[in-house]
Amino acid sequence: MGLTPRQARRVRVVLASVMMAAMAVLLVVRLATRHSVLVVGVYGAALVLCGIVIELARNGRTRLGTWLLGLGLAAAIAADWLLLP
């Protein structure tokens, strides 16, 4: 049995909110160890992405939001690993 559209939207909003909180905590931890504008840029972009996904889910675009959240957060983690010293 699948989720109803309303349940799917709520799941995506909660998931994006949790990921937003995790990215905020990770931003604070990274800023404590490395003072770089690039750190703020990478994790700031991830925070904005989570906000966009929340709005997409609220407007019924849950599949698009799920793909965007997954790919965007993977890109942010890859950028952290590749770009940041």
C-alpha atoms as a PDB file:
ATOM      1  CA  MET A   1       0.000   0.000   0.000  1.00  0.00           C
ATOM      2  CA  GLY A   2       1.368   3.390  -0.956  1.00  0.00           C
ATOM      3  CA  LEU A   3       1.020   6.721   0.714  1.00  0.00           C
ATOM      4  CA  THR A   4      -1.784   9.093  -0.050  1.00  0.00           C
ATOM      5  CA  PRO A   5      -0.697  12.351  -1.706  1.00  0.00           C
ATOM      6  CA  ARG A   6      -1.256  14.230   1.541  1.00  0.00           C
ATOM      7  CA  GLN A   7       0.881  11.766   3.513  1.00  0.00           C
ATOM      8  CA  ALA A   8       3.598  11.910   0.856  1.00  0.00           C
ATOM      9  CA  ARG A   9       3.715  15.700   1.106  1.00  0.00           C
ATOM     10  CA  ARG A  10       3.994  15.539   4.883  1.00  0.00           C
ATOM     11  CA  VAL A  11       6.768  12.939   4.720  1.00  0.00           C
ATOM     12  CA  ARG A  12       8.739  15.099   2.264  1.00  0.00           C
ATOM     13  CA  VAL A  13       8.291  18.233   4.382  1.00  0.00           C
ATOM     14  CA  VAL A  14       9.444  16.416   7.519  1.00  0.00           C
ATOM     15  CA  LEU A  15      12.377  14.809   5.701  1.00  0.00           C
ATOM     16  CA  ALA A  16      13.505  18.118   4.210  1.00  0.00           C
ATOM     17  CA  SER A  17      13.127  19.821   7.607  1.00  0.00           C
ATOM     18  CA  VAL A  18      15.271  17.180   9.293  1.00  0.00           C
ATOM     19  CA  MET A  19      17.890  17.473   6.561  1.00  0.00           C
ATOM     20  CA  MET A  20      17.826  21.260   6.912  1.00  0.00           C
ATOM     21  CA  ALA A  21      18.494  20.969  10.635  1.00  0.00           C
ATOM     22  CA  ALA A  22      21.290  18.467   9.986  1.00  0.00           C
ATOM     23  CA  MET A  23      22.900  20.778   7.409  1.00  0.00           C
ATOM     24  CA  ALA A  24      22.696  23.681   9.862  1.00  0.00           C
ATOM     25  CA  VAL A  25      24.442  21.627  12.543  1.00  0.00           C
ATOM     26  CA  LEU A  26      27.051  20.474  10.039  1.00  0.00           C
ATOM     27  CA  LEU A  27      27.611  24.082   8.972  1.00  0.00           C
ATOM     28  CA  VAL A  28      28.289  25.114  12.560  1.00  0.00           C
ATOM     29  CA  VAL A  29      30.671  22.184  13.074  1.00  0.00           C
ATOM     30  CA  ARG A  30      32.558  22.917   9.836  1.00  0.00           C
ATOM     31  CA  LEU A  31      32.810  26.617  10.652  1.00  0.00           C
ATOM     32  CA  ALA A  32      34.282  25.747  14.039  1.00  0.00           C
ATOM     33  CA  THR A  33      37.091  23.812  12.363  1.00  0.00           C
ATOM     34  CA  ARG A  34      37.566  25.770   9.106  1.00  0.00           C
ATOM     35  CA  HIS A  35      36.856  29.432   8.619  1.00  0.00           C
ATOM     36  CA  SER A  36      36.093  29.668   4.914  1.00  0.00           C
ATOM     37  CA  VAL A  37      33.587  31.428   2.721  1.00  0.00           C
ATOM     38  CA  LEU A  38      33.433  28.256   0.638  1.00  0.00           C
ATOM     39  CA  VAL A  39      32.101  26.332   3.660  1.00  0.00           C
ATOM     40  CA  VAL A  40      29.333  28.872   4.075  1.00  0.00           C
ATOM     41  CA  GLY A  41      28.594  28.727   0.352  1.00  0.00           C
ATOM     42  CA  VAL A  42      28.347  24.937   0.161  1.00  0.00           C
ATOM     43  CA  TYR A  43      26.227  24.488   3.257  1.00  0.00           C
ATOM     44  CA  GLY A  44      24.236  27.662   2.655  1.00  0.00           C
ATOM     45  CA  ALA A  45      23.281  26.302  -0.757  1.00  0.00           C
ATOM     46  CA  ALA A  46      22.239  23.019   0.891  1.00  0.00           C
ATOM     47  CA  LEU A  47      20.049  24.937   3.355  1.00  0.00           C
ATOM     48  CA  VAL A  48      18.410  26.881   0.529  1.00  0.00           C
ATOM     49  CA  LEU A  49      17.867  23.626  -1.348  1.00  0.00           C
ATOM     50  CA  CYS A  50      16.076  22.119   1.657  1.00  0.00           C
ATOM     51  CA  GLY A  51      13.818  25.175   1.811  1.00  0.00           C
ATOM     52  CA  ILE A  52      13.010  24.850  -1.868  1.00  0.00           C
ATOM     53  CA  VAL A  53      12.149  21.179  -1.385  1.00  0.00           C
ATOM     54  CA  ILE A  54       9.805  22.058   1.484  1.00  0.00           C
ATOM     55  CA  GLU A  55       7.981  24.533  -0.748  1.00  0.00           C
ATOM     56  CA  LEU A  56       7.821  22.054  -3.621  1.00  0.00           C
ATOM     57  CA  ALA A  57       6.329  19.432  -1.310  1.00  0.00           C
ATOM     58  CA  ARG A  58       3.772  21.894   0.027  1.00  0.00           C
ATOM     59  CA  ASN A  59       2.709  22.612  -3.553  1.00  0.00           C
ATOM     60  CA  GLY A  60       2.329  18.944  -4.470  1.00  0.00           C
ATOM     61  CA  ARG A  61       5.584  18.410  -6.382  1.00  0.00           C
ATOM     62  CA  THR A  62       6.804  15.594  -4.145  1.00  0.00           C
ATOM     63  CA  ARG A  63       8.661  13.495  -6.726  1.00  0.00           C
ATOM     64  CA  LEU A  64      10.559  16.480  -8.046  1.00  0.00           C
ATOM     65  CA  GLY A  65      11.354  17.521  -4.487  1.00  0.00           C
ATOM     66  CA  THR A  66      12.604  14.054  -3.582  1.00  0.00           C
ATOM     67  CA  TRP A  67      14.958  13.918  -6.559  1.00  0.00           C
ATOM     68  CA  LEU A  68      16.157  17.447  -5.938  1.00  0.00           C
ATOM     69  CA  LEU A  69      16.792  16.751  -2.265  1.00  0.00           C
ATOM     70  CA  GLY A  70      18.703  13.556  -2.936  1.00  0.00           C
ATOM     71  CA  LEU A  71      20.847  14.900  -5.758  1.00  0.00           C
ATOM     72  CA  GLY A  72      21.416  18.284  -4.145  1.00  0.00           C
ATOM     73  CA  LEU A  73      22.509  16.929  -0.788  1.00  0.00           C
ATOM     74  CA  ALA A  74      24.746  14.366  -2.491  1.00  0.00           C
ATOM     75  CA  ALA A  75      26.318  17.222  -4.465  1.00  0.00           C
ATOM     76  CA  ALA A  76      26.817  19.260  -1.285  1.00  0.00           C
ATOM     77  CA  ILE A  77      28.536  16.360   0.468  1.00  0.00           C
ATOM     78  CA  ALA A  78      30.668  15.689  -2.618  1.00  0.00           C
ATOM     79  CA  ALA A  79      31.611  19.380  -2.780  1.00  0.00           C
ATOM     80  CA  ASP A  80      32.568  19.273   0.893  1.00  0.00           C
ATOM     81  CA  TRP A  81      34.784  16.263   0.275  1.00  0.00           C
ATOM     82  CA  LEU A  82      36.325  17.521  -2.995  1.00  0.00           C
ATOM     83  CA  LEU A  83      36.522  21.301  -2.659  1.00  0.00           C
ATOM     84  CA  LEU A  84      37.068  22.067   0.974  1.00  0.00           C
ATOM     85  CA  PRO A  85      40.581  21.668   2.361  1.00  0.00           C
END
